[in-house]
Amino acid sequence: KTGNEINEKPFSARQTGKTIVKYSACWLAIVCYIWRTRRIKPICSEEIEKSESEGDIQN
Protein backbone atom coordinates (compact mmCIF):
# COMPACT_ATOMS: atom_id res chain seq x y z
CA LYS A 1 0.00 0.00 0.00
CA THR A 2 1.37 3.41 -0.89
CA GLY A 3 0.37 6.81 0.33
CA ASN A 4 -2.61 8.00 2.29
CA GLU A 5 -6.19 8.47 1.21
CA ILE A 6 -6.47 11.68 3.23
CA ASN A 7 -4.32 14.82 3.25
CA GLU A 8 -3.43 14.82 6.94
CA LYS A 9 0.14 13.74 6.14
CA PRO A 10 0.91 15.10 2.66
CA PHE A 11 4.61 14.14 2.81
CA SER A 12 3.78 10.43 2.88
CA ALA A 13 1.74 10.65 -0.32
CA ARG A 14 3.81 8.23 -2.43
CA GLN A 15 5.83 6.42 0.20
CA THR A 16 5.33 2.88 1.41
CA GLY A 17 5.32 2.01 5.08
CA LYS A 18 8.82 0.53 4.75
CA THR A 19 10.16 3.79 3.34
CA ILE A 20 8.68 5.82 6.17
CA VAL A 21 10.21 3.42 8.72
CA LYS A 22 13.64 3.80 7.06
CA TYR A 23 13.42 7.60 6.98
CA SER A 24 12.28 7.66 10.60
CA ALA A 25 15.25 5.51 11.63
CA CYS A 26 17.67 7.85 9.82
CA TRP A 27 16.20 10.95 11.44
CA LEU A 28 16.26 9.27 14.83
CA ALA A 29 19.95 8.45 14.39
CA ILE A 30 20.70 12.07 13.44
CA VAL A 31 18.78 13.49 16.40
CA CYS A 32 20.46 10.99 18.78
CA TYR A 33 23.90 12.01 17.48
CA ILE A 34 23.11 15.70 18.00
CA TRP A 35 21.80 14.97 21.50
CA ARG A 36 24.91 12.95 22.45
CA THR A 37 27.35 15.56 21.17
CA ARG A 38 25.61 18.72 22.35
CA ARG A 39 27.81 19.13 25.45
CA ILE A 40 31.17 18.41 23.87
CA LYS A 41 33.34 21.47 24.30
CA PRO A 42 35.34 22.60 21.29
CA ILE A 43 39.07 22.12 21.68
CA CYS A 44 41.09 25.30 21.33
CA SER A 45 44.58 25.23 19.84
CA GLU A 46 46.17 26.00 23.23
CA GLU A 47 44.65 22.86 24.76
CA ILE A 48 45.89 20.75 21.84
CA GLU A 49 49.44 22.12 22.16
CA LYS A 50 49.40 21.58 25.93
CA SER A 51 48.23 17.97 25.67
CA GLU A 52 50.75 17.22 22.89
CA SER A 53 53.59 18.59 25.00
CA GLU A 54 52.46 16.47 27.95
CA GLY A 55 52.25 13.36 25.77
CA ASP A 56 48.49 12.82 26.15
CA ILE A 57 47.88 12.44 22.41
CA GLN A 58 49.47 9.37 20.89
CA ASN A 59 49.85 8.90 17.14
PDB file of N, CA and C in Angstrom:
ATOM      1  N   LYS A   1       0.854  -1.177   0.000  1.00  0.00           N
ATOM      2  CA  LYS A   1       0.000   0.000   0.000  1.00  0.00           C
ATOM      3  C   LYS A   1       0.896   1.235   0.000  1.00  0.00           C
ATOM      4  N   THR A   2       0.603   2.174  -0.847  1.00  0.00           N
ATOM      5  CA  THR A   2       1.373   3.413  -0.890  1.00  0.00           C
ATOM      6  C   THR A   2       0.477   4.588  -0.570  1.00  0.00           C
ATOM      7  N   GLY A   3       1.051   5.550   0.096  1.00  0.00           N
ATOM      8  CA  GLY A   3       0.372   6.807   0.335  1.00  0.00           C
ATOM      9  C   GLY A   3      -0.804   6.736   1.287  1.00  0.00           C
ATOM     10  N   ASN A   4      -1.434   7.861   1.445  1.00  0.00           N
ATOM     11  CA  ASN A   4      -2.613   8.002   2.289  1.00  0.00           C
ATOM     12  C   ASN A   4      -3.792   8.416   1.438  1.00  0.00           C
ATOM     13  N   GLU A   5      -4.967   8.063   1.895  1.00  0.00           N
ATOM     14  CA  GLU A   5      -6.193   8.471   1.205  1.00  0.00           C
ATOM     15  C   GLU A   5      -6.603   9.884   1.613  1.00  0.00           C
ATOM     16  N   ILE A   6      -6.111  10.345   2.745  1.00  0.00           N
ATOM     17  CA  ILE A   6      -6.468  11.679   3.230  1.00  0.00           C
ATOM     18  C   ILE A   6      -5.230  12.566   3.223  1.00  0.00           C
ATOM     19  N   ASN A   7      -5.424  13.866   3.333  1.00  0.00           N
ATOM     20  CA  ASN A   7      -4.321  14.822   3.245  1.00  0.00           C
ATOM     21  C   ASN A   7      -3.761  15.235   4.605  1.00  0.00           C
ATOM     22  N   GLU A   8      -3.957  14.447   5.628  1.00  0.00           N
ATOM     23  CA  GLU A   8      -3.433  14.818   6.941  1.00  0.00           C
ATOM     24  C   GLU A   8      -1.912  14.771   6.971  1.00  0.00           C
ATOM     25  N   LYS A   9      -1.319  13.858   6.209  1.00  0.00           N
ATOM     26  CA  LYS A   9       0.136  13.742   6.139  1.00  0.00           C
ATOM     27  C   LYS A   9       0.555  13.804   4.676  1.00  0.00           C
ATOM     28  N   PRO A  10       0.631  14.995   4.097  1.00  0.00           N
ATOM     29  CA  PRO A  10       0.915  15.097   2.661  1.00  0.00           C
ATOM     30  C   PRO A  10       2.296  14.603   2.257  1.00  0.00           C
ATOM     31  N   PHE A  11       3.260  14.553   3.180  1.00  0.00           N
ATOM     32  CA  PHE A  11       4.611  14.136   2.815  1.00  0.00           C
ATOM     33  C   PHE A  11       4.743  12.625   2.662  1.00  0.00           C
ATOM     34  N   SER A  12       3.730  11.881   3.057  1.00  0.00           N
ATOM     35  CA  SER A  12       3.778  10.432   2.878  1.00  0.00           C
ATOM     36  C   SER A  12       2.902  10.003   1.704  1.00  0.00           C
ATOM     37  N   ALA A  13       2.666  10.908   0.780  1.00  0.00           N
ATOM     38  CA  ALA A  13       1.740  10.655  -0.324  1.00  0.00           C
ATOM     39  C   ALA A  13       2.136   9.458  -1.175  1.00  0.00           C
ATOM     40  N   ARG A  14       3.394   9.317  -1.553  1.00  0.00           N
ATOM     41  CA  ARG A  14       3.806   8.230  -2.428  1.00  0.00           C
ATOM     42  C   ARG A  14       4.855   7.326  -1.784  1.00  0.00           C
ATOM     43  N   GLN A  15       4.835   7.237  -0.490  1.00  0.00           N
ATOM     44  CA  GLN A  15       5.827   6.416   0.201  1.00  0.00           C
ATOM     45  C   GLN A  15       5.155   5.199   0.824  1.00  0.00           C
ATOM     46  N   THR A  16       5.846   4.081   0.763  1.00  0.00           N
ATOM     47  CA  THR A  16       5.327   2.881   1.414  1.00  0.00           C
ATOM     48  C   THR A  16       5.648   2.944   2.901  1.00  0.00           C
ATOM     49  N   GLY A  17       5.058   2.068   3.652  1.00  0.00           N
ATOM     50  CA  GLY A  17       5.324   2.010   5.082  1.00  0.00           C
ATOM     51  C   GLY A  17       6.780   1.724   5.381  1.00  0.00           C
ATOM     52  N   LYS A  18       7.405   0.857   4.556  1.00  0.00           N
ATOM     53  CA  LYS A  18       8.821   0.531   4.746  1.00  0.00           C
ATOM     54  C   LYS A  18       9.700   1.766   4.582  1.00  0.00           C
ATOM     55  N   THR A  19       9.374   2.585   3.594  1.00  0.00           N
ATOM     56  CA  THR A  19      10.159   3.790   3.343  1.00  0.00           C
ATOM     57  C   THR A  19      10.062   4.749   4.519  1.00  0.00           C
ATOM     58  N   ILE A  20       8.869   4.913   5.040  1.00  0.00           N
ATOM     59  CA  ILE A  20       8.679   5.818   6.171  1.00  0.00           C
ATOM     60  C   ILE A  20       9.442   5.309   7.389  1.00  0.00           C
ATOM     61  N   VAL A  21       9.458   4.001   7.604  1.00  0.00           N
ATOM     62  CA  VAL A  21      10.211   3.424   8.723  1.00  0.00           C
ATOM     63  C   VAL A  21      11.702   3.689   8.543  1.00  0.00           C
ATOM     64  N   LYS A  22      12.222   3.540   7.323  1.00  0.00           N
ATOM     65  CA  LYS A  22      13.641   3.798   7.055  1.00  0.00           C
ATOM     66  C   LYS A  22      13.988   5.264   7.307  1.00  0.00           C
ATOM     67  N   TYR A  23      13.167   6.172   6.774  1.00  0.00           N
ATOM     68  CA  TYR A  23      13.423   7.599   6.979  1.00  0.00           C
ATOM     69  C   TYR A  23      13.358   7.950   8.462  1.00  0.00           C
ATOM     70  N   SER A  24      12.406   7.385   9.170  1.00  0.00           N
ATOM     71  CA  SER A  24      12.285   7.659  10.604  1.00  0.00           C
ATOM     72  C   SER A  24      13.525   7.194  11.348  1.00  0.00           C
ATOM     73  N   ALA A  25      14.047   6.029  10.983  1.00  0.00           N
ATOM     74  CA  ALA A  25      15.254   5.512  11.633  1.00  0.00           C
ATOM     75  C   ALA A  25      16.450   6.421  11.368  1.00  0.00           C
ATOM     76  N   CYS A  26      16.561   6.930  10.147  1.00  0.00           N
ATOM     77  CA  CYS A  26      17.668   7.848   9.818  1.00  0.00           C
ATOM     78  C   CYS A  26      17.566   9.136  10.623  1.00  0.00           C
ATOM     79  N   TRP A  27      16.378   9.713  10.678  1.00  0.00           N
ATOM     80  CA  TRP A  27      16.200  10.945  11.438  1.00  0.00           C
ATOM     81  C   TRP A  27      16.442  10.722  12.926  1.00  0.00           C
ATOM     82  N   LEU A  28      16.015   9.584  13.427  1.00  0.00           N
ATOM     83  CA  LEU A  28      16.256   9.269  14.831  1.00  0.00           C
ATOM     84  C   LEU A  28      17.748   9.175  15.112  1.00  0.00           C
ATOM     85  N   ALA A  29      18.497   8.555  14.217  1.00  0.00           N
ATOM     86  CA  ALA A  29      19.950   8.451  14.387  1.00  0.00           C
ATOM     87  C   ALA A  29      20.600   9.830  14.386  1.00  0.00           C
ATOM     88  N   ILE A  30      20.147  10.714  13.504  1.00  0.00           N
ATOM     89  CA  ILE A  30      20.699  12.074  13.436  1.00  0.00           C
ATOM     90  C   ILE A  30      20.404  12.838  14.723  1.00  0.00           C
ATOM     91  N   VAL A  31      19.164  12.774  15.180  1.00  0.00           N
ATOM     92  CA  VAL A  31      18.785  13.485  16.404  1.00  0.00           C
ATOM     93  C   VAL A  31      19.540  12.921  17.608  1.00  0.00           C
ATOM     94  N   CYS A  32      19.705  11.602  17.673  1.00  0.00           N
ATOM     95  CA  CYS A  32      20.461  10.990  18.776  1.00  0.00           C
ATOM     96  C   CYS A  32      21.912  11.448  18.767  1.00  0.00           C
ATOM     97  N   TYR A  33      22.516  11.544  17.587  1.00  0.00           N
ATOM     98  CA  TYR A  33      23.898  12.013  17.480  1.00  0.00           C
ATOM     99  C   TYR A  33      24.011  13.453  17.980  1.00  0.00           C
ATOM    100  N   ILE A  34      23.093  14.296  17.560  1.00  0.00           N
ATOM    101  CA  ILE A  34      23.107  15.696  17.997  1.00  0.00           C
ATOM    102  C   ILE A  34      22.938  15.771  19.515  1.00  0.00           C
ATOM    103  N   TRP A  35      22.045  14.972  20.059  1.00  0.00           N
ATOM    104  CA  TRP A  35      21.800  14.973  21.504  1.00  0.00           C
ATOM    105  C   TRP A  35      23.038  14.520  22.274  1.00  0.00           C
ATOM    106  N   ARG A  36      23.716  13.465  21.772  1.00  0.00           N
ATOM    107  CA  ARG A  36      24.906  12.949  22.451  1.00  0.00           C
ATOM    108  C   ARG A  36      26.053  13.944  22.418  1.00  0.00           C
ATOM    109  N   THR A  37      26.188  14.693  21.347  1.00  0.00           N
ATOM    110  CA  THR A  37      27.352  15.561  21.174  1.00  0.00           C
ATOM    111  C   THR A  37      27.086  17.013  21.549  1.00  0.00           C
ATOM    112  N   ARG A  38      25.949  17.319  22.087  1.00  0.00           N
ATOM    113  CA  ARG A  38      25.606  18.719  22.355  1.00  0.00           C
ATOM    114  C   ARG A  38      26.479  19.346  23.425  1.00  0.00           C
ATOM    115  N   ARG A  39      27.021  18.566  24.342  1.00  0.00           N
ATOM    116  CA  ARG A  39      27.806  19.128  25.448  1.00  0.00           C
ATOM    117  C   ARG A  39      29.306  18.997  25.250  1.00  0.00           C
ATOM    118  N   ILE A  40      29.738  18.531  24.115  1.00  0.00           N
ATOM    119  CA  ILE A  40      31.169  18.405  23.870  1.00  0.00           C
ATOM    120  C   ILE A  40      31.741  19.797  23.629  1.00  0.00           C
ATOM    121  N   LYS A  41      32.728  20.154  24.443  1.00  0.00           N
ATOM    122  CA  LYS A  41      33.340  21.472  24.302  1.00  0.00           C
ATOM    123  C   LYS A  41      34.312  21.455  23.130  1.00  0.00           C
ATOM    124  N   PRO A  42      34.340  22.534  22.361  1.00  0.00           N
ATOM    125  CA  PRO A  42      35.336  22.604  21.294  1.00  0.00           C
ATOM    126  C   PRO A  42      36.739  22.693  21.893  1.00  0.00           C
ATOM    127  N   ILE A  43      37.683  22.099  21.217  1.00  0.00           N
ATOM    128  CA  ILE A  43      39.069  22.119  21.684  1.00  0.00           C
ATOM    129  C   ILE A  43      39.775  23.304  21.040  1.00  0.00           C
ATOM    130  N   CYS A  44      40.338  24.169  21.868  1.00  0.00           N
ATOM    131  CA  CYS A  44      41.086  25.297  21.325  1.00  0.00           C
ATOM    132  C   CYS A  44      42.520  24.848  21.050  1.00  0.00           C
ATOM    133  N   SER A  45      43.220  25.596  20.240  1.00  0.00           N
ATOM    134  CA  SER A  45      44.578  25.225  19.839  1.00  0.00           C
ATOM    135  C   SER A  45      45.535  25.182  21.033  1.00  0.00           C
ATOM    136  N   GLU A  46      45.304  26.012  22.045  1.00  0.00           N
ATOM    137  CA  GLU A  46      46.166  26.004  23.231  1.00  0.00           C
ATOM    138  C   GLU A  46      46.052  24.676  23.981  1.00  0.00           C
ATOM    139  N   GLU A  47      44.840  24.137  24.081  1.00  0.00           N
ATOM    140  CA  GLU A  47      44.653  22.856  24.764  1.00  0.00           C
ATOM    141  C   GLU A  47      45.325  21.728  23.996  1.00  0.00           C
ATOM    142  N   ILE A  48      45.264  21.785  22.669  1.00  0.00           N
ATOM    143  CA  ILE A  48      45.894  20.753  21.844  1.00  0.00           C
ATOM    144  C   ILE A  48      47.406  20.790  22.042  1.00  0.00           C
ATOM    145  N   GLU A  49      47.995  21.982  21.985  1.00  0.00           N
ATOM    146  CA  GLU A  49      49.443  22.116  22.164  1.00  0.00           C
ATOM    147  C   GLU A  49      49.864  21.649  23.554  1.00  0.00           C
ATOM    148  N   LYS A  50      49.078  21.981  24.563  1.00  0.00           N
ATOM    149  CA  LYS A  50      49.403  21.582  25.931  1.00  0.00           C
ATOM    150  C   LYS A  50      49.366  20.062  26.073  1.00  0.00           C
ATOM    151  N   SER A  51      48.337  19.428  25.537  1.00  0.00           N
ATOM    152  CA  SER A  51      48.230  17.974  25.670  1.00  0.00           C
ATOM    153  C   SER A  51      49.297  17.261  24.844  1.00  0.00           C
ATOM    154  N   GLU A  52      49.682  17.825  23.694  1.00  0.00           N
ATOM    155  CA  GLU A  52      50.746  17.220  22.891  1.00  0.00           C
ATOM    156  C   GLU A  52      52.084  17.311  23.616  1.00  0.00           C
ATOM    157  N   SER A  53      52.318  18.436  24.282  1.00  0.00           N
ATOM    158  CA  SER A  53      53.586  18.593  24.997  1.00  0.00           C
ATOM    159  C   SER A  53      53.652  17.691  26.227  1.00  0.00           C
ATOM    160  N   GLU A  54      52.496  17.359  26.794  1.00  0.00           N
ATOM    161  CA  GLU A  54      52.460  16.466  27.950  1.00  0.00           C
ATOM    162  C   GLU A  54      52.442  15.002  27.535  1.00  0.00           C
ATOM    163  N   GLY A  55      52.251  14.731  26.257  1.00  0.00           N
ATOM    164  CA  GLY A  55      52.251  13.360  25.765  1.00  0.00           C
ATOM    165  C   GLY A  55      50.912  12.662  25.878  1.00  0.00           C
ATOM    166  N   ASP A  56      49.822  13.422  26.026  1.00  0.00           N
ATOM    167  CA  ASP A  56      48.494  12.816  26.145  1.00  0.00           C
ATOM    168  C   ASP A  56      48.004  12.237  24.822  1.00  0.00           C
ATOM    169  N   ILE A  57      48.337  12.884  23.726  1.00  0.00           N
ATOM    170  CA  ILE A  57      47.879  12.436  22.413  1.00  0.00           C
ATOM    171  C   ILE A  57      48.941  11.528  21.819  1.00  0.00           C
ATOM    172  N   GLN A  58      48.543  10.327  21.470  1.00  0.00           N
ATOM    173  CA  GLN A  58      49.473   9.366  20.886  1.00  0.00           C
ATOM    174  C   GLN A  58      49.109   9.132  19.439  1.00  0.00           C
ATOM    175  N   ASN A  59      50.102   9.146  18.566  1.00  0.00           N
ATOM    176  CA  ASN A  59      49.853   8.901  17.142  1.00  0.00           C
ATOM    177  C   ASN A  59      50.080   7.464  16.801  1.00  0.00           C
TER     178      ASN A  59
END
